[in-house]
Structures are given as C-alpha cells and as structure tokens.
Protein backbone atom coordinates (compact mmCIF):
# COMPACT_ATOMS: atom_id res chain seq x y z
CA UNK A 1 -0.08 0.01 0.07
CA UNK A 2 1.20 3.53 -1.04
CA UNK A 3 2.15 5.69 2.09
CA UNK A 4 -0.44 7.92 2.21
CA UNK A 5 1.70 11.02 3.89
CA UNK A 6 3.27 11.75 0.28
CA UNK A 7 2.21 13.33 -2.44
CA UNK A 8 -0.02 11.89 -5.10
CA UNK A 9 2.98 12.14 -7.69
CA UNK A 10 5.74 11.00 -5.52
CA UNK A 11 4.05 7.48 -4.27
CA UNK A 12 4.97 5.12 -7.31
CA UNK A 13 8.63 6.60 -8.12
CA UNK A 14 11.41 4.49 -9.57
CA UNK A 15 14.51 4.06 -7.47
CA UNK A 16 16.32 6.41 -9.72
CA UNK A 17 13.52 9.17 -9.67
CA UNK A 18 13.91 8.82 -5.80
CA UNK A 19 17.27 9.50 -5.81
CA UNK A 20 16.81 12.47 -7.85
CA UNK A 21 14.14 13.85 -5.38
CA UNK A 22 16.63 13.69 -2.15
CA UNK A 23 19.31 15.17 -4.28
CA UNK A 24 16.64 18.09 -5.32
CA UNK A 25 15.61 18.24 -1.57
CA UNK A 26 19.11 18.22 -0.55
CA UNK A 27 20.12 21.06 -2.98
CA UNK A 28 16.72 23.12 -1.42
CA UNK A 29 18.27 22.69 2.01
CA UNK A 30 21.45 23.53 1.30
CA UNK A 31 19.90 26.60 -0.40
CA UNK A 32 18.05 27.87 2.38
CA UNK A 33 20.97 27.12 5.08
CA UNK A 34 22.81 29.78 2.62
CA UNK A 35 19.63 31.97 2.80
CA UNK A 36 19.58 31.82 6.29
CA UNK A 37 23.39 32.61 6.90
CA UNK A 38 23.12 35.68 4.69
CA UNK A 39 19.92 36.97 6.42
CA UNK A 40 22.38 37.11 9.65
CA UNK A 41 24.61 39.12 7.42
CA UNK A 42 21.84 41.31 6.52
CA UNK A 43 20.85 42.22 10.37
CA UNK A 44 24.71 43.04 10.75
CA UNK A 45 24.72 45.23 7.70
CA UNK A 46 21.52 46.99 8.96
CA UNK A 47 23.51 48.39 11.58
CA UNK A 48 25.81 50.46 9.22
CA UNK A 49 23.42 51.18 6.43
CA UNK A 50 21.81 54.21 7.89
CA UNK A 51 25.09 55.39 9.00
CA UNK A 52 26.14 55.17 5.66
CA UNK A 53 23.18 56.64 3.51
CA UNK A 54 23.41 59.25 5.83
CA UNK A 55 27.31 60.46 5.72
CA UNK A 56 28.76 58.80 2.53
CA UNK A 57 29.27 61.41 -0.33
CA UNK A 58 27.56 60.73 -3.70
CA UNK A 59 27.37 57.37 -4.92
CA UNK A 60 29.87 55.75 -2.35
CA UNK A 61 27.98 53.87 -0.38
CA UNK A 62 29.53 50.42 -0.03
CA UNK A 63 27.40 49.30 2.79
CA UNK A 64 24.19 49.77 1.11
CA UNK A 65 25.70 48.12 -1.84
CA UNK A 66 26.90 45.41 0.22
CA UNK A 67 23.34 44.96 1.90
CA UNK A 68 21.55 45.12 -1.51
CA UNK A 69 23.76 42.11 -2.52
CA UNK A 70 23.21 40.12 0.87
CA UNK A 71 19.64 40.79 0.65
CA UNK A 72 19.38 39.88 -3.01
CA UNK A 73 21.07 36.65 -2.08
CA UNK A 74 18.52 35.82 0.66
CA UNK A 75 15.43 36.07 -1.47
CA UNK A 76 16.61 34.36 -4.67
CA UNK A 77 18.51 31.48 -2.36
CA UNK A 78 15.49 31.06 -0.03
CA UNK A 79 12.99 31.37 -2.95
CA UNK A 80 14.75 28.53 -4.87
CA UNK A 81 15.58 26.47 -1.81
CA UNK A 82 12.24 26.40 -0.70
CA UNK A 83 10.64 25.61 -4.14
CA UNK A 84 13.37 22.67 -4.60
CA UNK A 85 12.24 21.70 -1.20
CA UNK A 86 8.45 21.37 -1.58
CA UNK A 87 8.17 19.78 -5.14
CA UNK A 88 7.33 22.61 -7.02
CA UNK A 89 10.22 22.12 -9.19
CA UNK A 90 9.95 19.24 -11.79
CA UNK A 91 11.85 15.64 -10.72
CA UNK A 92 13.22 14.83 -14.36
C-alpha cells in the first residue's frame, strides 16, 4: 500500500526518481541554509547602512551595496531552496 502521507505524484517513483528527488531536496535545504546565513549578515549590515547612507558622499555607499547584494542572495536562495524542497520543481 502506498504511503498516504506522500504527495500523489511521489507515491509510485522508481529508485532513480527517488534518488533525484532526494538530491533536489538536499540542494533545496543547502540553498535555504545559505539564505539563513546571509540573513544574519543582512541584520549585521543593517546596523551600518543608515550611517553609510547619511554620511557617505555621492554614490559612495559600500555598506548599502553590500546590503543590497546580501538581500538579493537571501531572496533568490531562499525562494529557490523553498521551491526545490517542496516539490514545485519537476523531478526529471
């Protein structure tokens, strides 16, 4: 009998498909961990961004740029990791 806790499309997979599914979920978790680590970096950068935007002249705002890059990494890695973990990305 099939495991009723699994989604319908994952109940009758071949061993190769199960391996691909596990690898996809493993990569998804890895991306979520990277997003979590960069979110900590974003919180730390947030301490300096206001001062950087206030006192740095012209376009010279390195902390703001670092914060923008780190925030982008959080959104992209977190989103892709979540999509990969919960099965909205096709197996094959």
